[in-house]
Amino acid sequence: MRMYTLPVTTDTAGAGTSALEAVPGGGTLYAVQLIDGDFADGVDITLTAEIDGLSIPLLTKADFNTDQIVYPRVLQALNTDGTALTTHCEPLVMGRVKAVVAQGGSVKSGSFRLFVRDI
């Protein structure tokens, strides 16, 4: 397992973006540590993996105020017709991972630590 950190500093409007290249060859996202730093209370985060025009949702967390670890999962689907199942798996991480912060407060900082399994 590999660990990647995405630090984010917001602008005066409370928004910020950070990105990094994902695991060479790809991986799956096991967990994300949300590090509040000095973000304002009620900060929102969206994490995506982006490759070849595709944006893969990894995690959206609204209104977090304290450090925490979350374990994002996505619904699985049948390979025959795409019907959603009731079981979950780790999201695929390929290409560039991007963190977008909203409502983080004026010029505030925090970070997001991703724990990624190689595939």
C-alpha atoms as a PDB file:
ATOM      1  CA  MET A   1       0.000   0.000   0.000  1.00  0.00           C
ATOM      2  CA  ARG A   2       1.175   3.511  -0.800  1.00  0.00           C
ATOM      3  CA  MET A   3       0.348   6.784   0.904  1.00  0.00           C
ATOM      4  CA  TYR A   4      -0.057  10.084  -0.969  1.00  0.00           C
ATOM      5  CA  THR A   5      -0.686  13.515   0.553  1.00  0.00           C
ATOM      6  CA  LEU A   6      -2.558  16.344  -1.157  1.00  0.00           C
ATOM      7  CA  PRO A   7      -2.041  19.638   0.694  1.00  0.00           C
ATOM      8  CA  VAL A   8      -4.571  22.389  -0.115  1.00  0.00           C
ATOM      9  CA  THR A   9      -4.460  26.099   0.678  1.00  0.00           C
ATOM     10  CA  THR A  10      -7.583  28.103  -0.031  1.00  0.00           C
ATOM     11  CA  ASP A  11      -7.794  31.513  -1.680  1.00  0.00           C
ATOM     12  CA  THR A  12      -9.512  34.502  -0.074  1.00  0.00           C
ATOM     13  CA  ALA A  13     -12.901  33.151  -1.218  1.00  0.00           C
ATOM     14  CA  GLY A  14     -12.343  29.861   0.671  1.00  0.00           C
ATOM     15  CA  ALA A  15     -11.782  27.663  -2.401  1.00  0.00           C
ATOM     16  CA  GLY A  16      -8.709  25.623  -3.266  1.00  0.00           C
ATOM     17  CA  THR A  17      -7.488  22.864  -5.571  1.00  0.00           C
ATOM     18  CA  SER A  18      -4.543  20.471  -5.465  1.00  0.00           C
ATOM     19  CA  ALA A  19      -3.562  17.534  -7.662  1.00  0.00           C
ATOM     20  CA  LEU A  20      -0.998  14.733  -7.914  1.00  0.00           C
ATOM     21  CA  GLU A  21      -0.212  11.901 -10.274  1.00  0.00           C
ATOM     22  CA  ALA A  22      -1.768   8.629  -9.092  1.00  0.00           C
ATOM     23  CA  VAL A  23      -0.083   5.277  -8.670  1.00  0.00           C
ATOM     24  CA  PRO A  24       1.768   4.274 -11.845  1.00  0.00           C
ATOM     25  CA  GLY A  25      -0.319   1.507 -13.386  1.00  0.00           C
ATOM     26  CA  GLY A  26      -3.296   2.359 -11.190  1.00  0.00           C
ATOM     27  CA  GLY A  27      -4.640   1.275  -7.840  1.00  0.00           C
ATOM     28  CA  THR A  28      -7.696   1.218  -5.615  1.00  0.00           C
ATOM     29  CA  LEU A  29      -8.461   3.684  -2.860  1.00  0.00           C
ATOM     30  CA  TYR A  30      -8.510   1.968   0.529  1.00  0.00           C
ATOM     31  CA  ALA A  31      -8.925   5.016   2.810  1.00  0.00           C
ATOM     32  CA  VAL A  32      -8.650   8.807   2.999  1.00  0.00           C
ATOM     33  CA  GLN A  33      -7.466  10.720   6.030  1.00  0.00           C
ATOM     34  CA  LEU A  34      -9.059  14.174   6.183  1.00  0.00           C
ATOM     35  CA  ILE A  35      -6.684  16.552   7.972  1.00  0.00           C
ATOM     36  CA  ASP A  36      -8.591  19.671   8.994  1.00  0.00           C
ATOM     37  CA  GLY A  37      -5.536  21.863   9.612  1.00  0.00           C
ATOM     38  CA  ASP A  38      -6.887  25.390  10.067  1.00  0.00           C
ATOM     39  CA  PHE A  39      -9.777  25.106   7.571  1.00  0.00           C
ATOM     40  CA  ALA A  40     -12.946  26.895   8.691  1.00  0.00           C
ATOM     41  CA  ASP A  41     -15.652  24.659  10.167  1.00  0.00           C
ATOM     42  CA  GLY A  42     -17.999  23.230   7.545  1.00  0.00           C
ATOM     43  CA  VAL A  43     -15.369  22.688   4.833  1.00  0.00           C
ATOM     44  CA  ASP A  44     -16.394  20.598   1.806  1.00  0.00           C
ATOM     45  CA  ILE A  45     -14.041  18.286  -0.146  1.00  0.00           C
ATOM     46  CA  THR A  46     -14.409  16.481  -3.457  1.00  0.00           C
ATOM     47  CA  LEU A  47     -11.759  13.979  -4.555  1.00  0.00           C
ATOM     48  CA  THR A  48     -11.644  12.650  -8.123  1.00  0.00           C
ATOM     49  CA  ALA A  49      -9.268  10.618 -10.268  1.00  0.00           C
ATOM     50  CA  GLU A  50      -8.960  11.968 -13.805  1.00  0.00           C
ATOM     51  CA  ILE A  51      -7.666  10.162 -16.865  1.00  0.00           C
ATOM     52  CA  ASP A  52      -8.335  10.620 -20.584  1.00  0.00           C
ATOM     53  CA  GLY A  53     -11.335  12.925 -20.093  1.00  0.00           C
ATOM     54  CA  LEU A  54     -12.909  10.618 -17.499  1.00  0.00           C
ATOM     55  CA  SER A  55     -13.479  11.907 -13.953  1.00  0.00           C
ATOM     56  CA  ILE A  56     -13.807   9.055 -11.434  1.00  0.00           C
ATOM     57  CA  PRO A  57     -15.533  10.129  -8.185  1.00  0.00           C
ATOM     58  CA  LEU A  58     -13.511   8.990  -5.169  1.00  0.00           C
ATOM     59  CA  LEU A  59     -15.021  10.884  -2.226  1.00  0.00           C
ATOM     60  CA  THR A  60     -17.311  13.799  -1.463  1.00  0.00           C
ATOM     61  CA  LYS A  61     -17.482  14.905   2.157  1.00  0.00           C
ATOM     62  CA  ALA A  62     -19.497  17.958   3.183  1.00  0.00           C
ATOM     63  CA  ASP A  63     -19.174  19.990   6.355  1.00  0.00           C
ATOM     64  CA  PHE A  64     -16.263  18.235   8.019  1.00  0.00           C
ATOM     65  CA  ASN A  65     -14.706  19.937  11.035  1.00  0.00           C
ATOM     66  CA  THR A  66     -12.223  17.475  12.538  1.00  0.00           C
ATOM     67  CA  ASP A  67      -9.498  15.077  11.458  1.00  0.00           C
ATOM     68  CA  GLN A  68     -10.905  11.688  10.486  1.00  0.00           C
ATOM     69  CA  ILE A  69     -10.376   8.631   8.313  1.00  0.00           C
ATOM     70  CA  VAL A  70     -13.046   7.525   5.849  1.00  0.00           C
ATOM     71  CA  TYR A  71     -13.220   4.377   3.719  1.00  0.00           C
ATOM     72  CA  PRO A  72     -14.844   5.293   0.369  1.00  0.00           C
ATOM     73  CA  ARG A  73     -16.622   2.525  -1.509  1.00  0.00           C
ATOM     74  CA  VAL A  74     -18.627   2.402  -4.747  1.00  0.00           C
ATOM     75  CA  LEU A  75     -21.512   0.182  -5.801  1.00  0.00           C
ATOM     76  CA  GLN A  76     -20.575  -2.772  -7.943  1.00  0.00           C
ATOM     77  CA  ALA A  77     -22.484  -3.558 -11.137  1.00  0.00           C
ATOM     78  CA  LEU A  78     -23.246  -6.683 -13.129  1.00  0.00           C
ATOM     79  CA  ASN A  79     -20.869  -7.109 -16.045  1.00  0.00           C
ATOM     80  CA  THR A  80     -23.691  -8.376 -18.278  1.00  0.00           C
ATOM     81  CA  ASP A  81     -25.990  -5.342 -18.247  1.00  0.00           C
ATOM     82  CA  GLY A  82     -24.596  -2.781 -15.777  1.00  0.00           C
ATOM     83  CA  THR A  83     -27.325  -3.319 -13.199  1.00  0.00           C
ATOM     84  CA  ALA A  84     -26.257  -1.948  -9.816  1.00  0.00           C
ATOM     85  CA  LEU A  85     -25.683  -4.540  -7.118  1.00  0.00           C
ATOM     86  CA  THR A  86     -25.943  -4.061  -3.361  1.00  0.00           C
ATOM     87  CA  THR A  87     -22.267  -4.838  -2.779  1.00  0.00           C
ATOM     88  CA  HIS A  88     -19.432  -2.319  -2.721  1.00  0.00           C
ATOM     89  CA  CYS A  89     -15.769  -2.189  -3.709  1.00  0.00           C
ATOM     90  CA  GLU A  90     -12.853   0.251  -3.521  1.00  0.00           C
ATOM     91  CA  PRO A  91     -12.886   2.978  -6.202  1.00  0.00           C
ATOM     92  CA  LEU A  92     -10.343   2.817  -9.006  1.00  0.00           C
ATOM     93  CA  VAL A  93      -7.490   5.359  -8.894  1.00  0.00           C
ATOM     94  CA  MET A  94      -5.905   6.120 -12.267  1.00  0.00           C
ATOM     95  CA  GLY A  95      -4.218   9.178 -13.749  1.00  0.00           C
ATOM     96  CA  ARG A  96      -4.297  12.386 -11.724  1.00  0.00           C
ATOM     97  CA  VAL A  97      -5.978  12.666  -8.319  1.00  0.00           C
ATOM     98  CA  LYS A  98      -7.556  16.065  -7.657  1.00  0.00           C
ATOM     99  CA  ALA A  99      -8.827  17.590  -4.406  1.00  0.00           C
ATOM    100  CA  VAL A 100     -11.271  20.501  -4.608  1.00  0.00           C
ATOM    101  CA  VAL A 101     -12.112  22.370  -1.398  1.00  0.00           C
ATOM    102  CA  ALA A 102     -15.026  24.757  -0.878  1.00  0.00           C
ATOM    103  CA  GLN A 103     -15.992  26.813   2.166  1.00  0.00           C
ATOM    104  CA  GLY A 104     -12.536  26.318   3.680  1.00  0.00           C
ATOM    105  CA  GLY A 105     -12.139  29.883   4.924  1.00  0.00           C
ATOM    106  CA  SER A 106      -9.926  32.698   3.654  1.00  0.00           C
ATOM    107  CA  VAL A 107      -6.323  31.536   3.075  1.00  0.00           C
ATOM    108  CA  LYS A 108      -6.574  28.386   5.229  1.00  0.00           C
ATOM    109  CA  SER A 109      -4.756  25.061   4.843  1.00  0.00           C
ATOM    110  CA  GLY A 110      -5.430  21.382   5.350  1.00  0.00           C
ATOM    111  CA  SER A 111      -4.553  18.146   3.587  1.00  0.00           C
ATOM    112  CA  PHE A 112      -5.849  14.803   2.443  1.00  0.00           C
ATOM    113  CA  ARG A 113      -3.851  11.597   2.833  1.00  0.00           C
ATOM    114  CA  LEU A 114      -4.797   8.815   0.419  1.00  0.00           C
ATOM    115  CA  PHE A 115      -4.021   5.179   1.115  1.00  0.00           C
ATOM    116  CA  VAL A 116      -3.869   3.414  -2.262  1.00  0.00           C
ATOM    117  CA  ARG A 117      -3.449  -0.296  -3.012  1.00  0.00           C
ATOM    118  CA  ASP A 118      -1.417  -1.154  -6.105  1.00  0.00           C
ATOM    119  CA  ILE A 119      -3.093  -3.266  -8.784  1.00  0.00           C
END
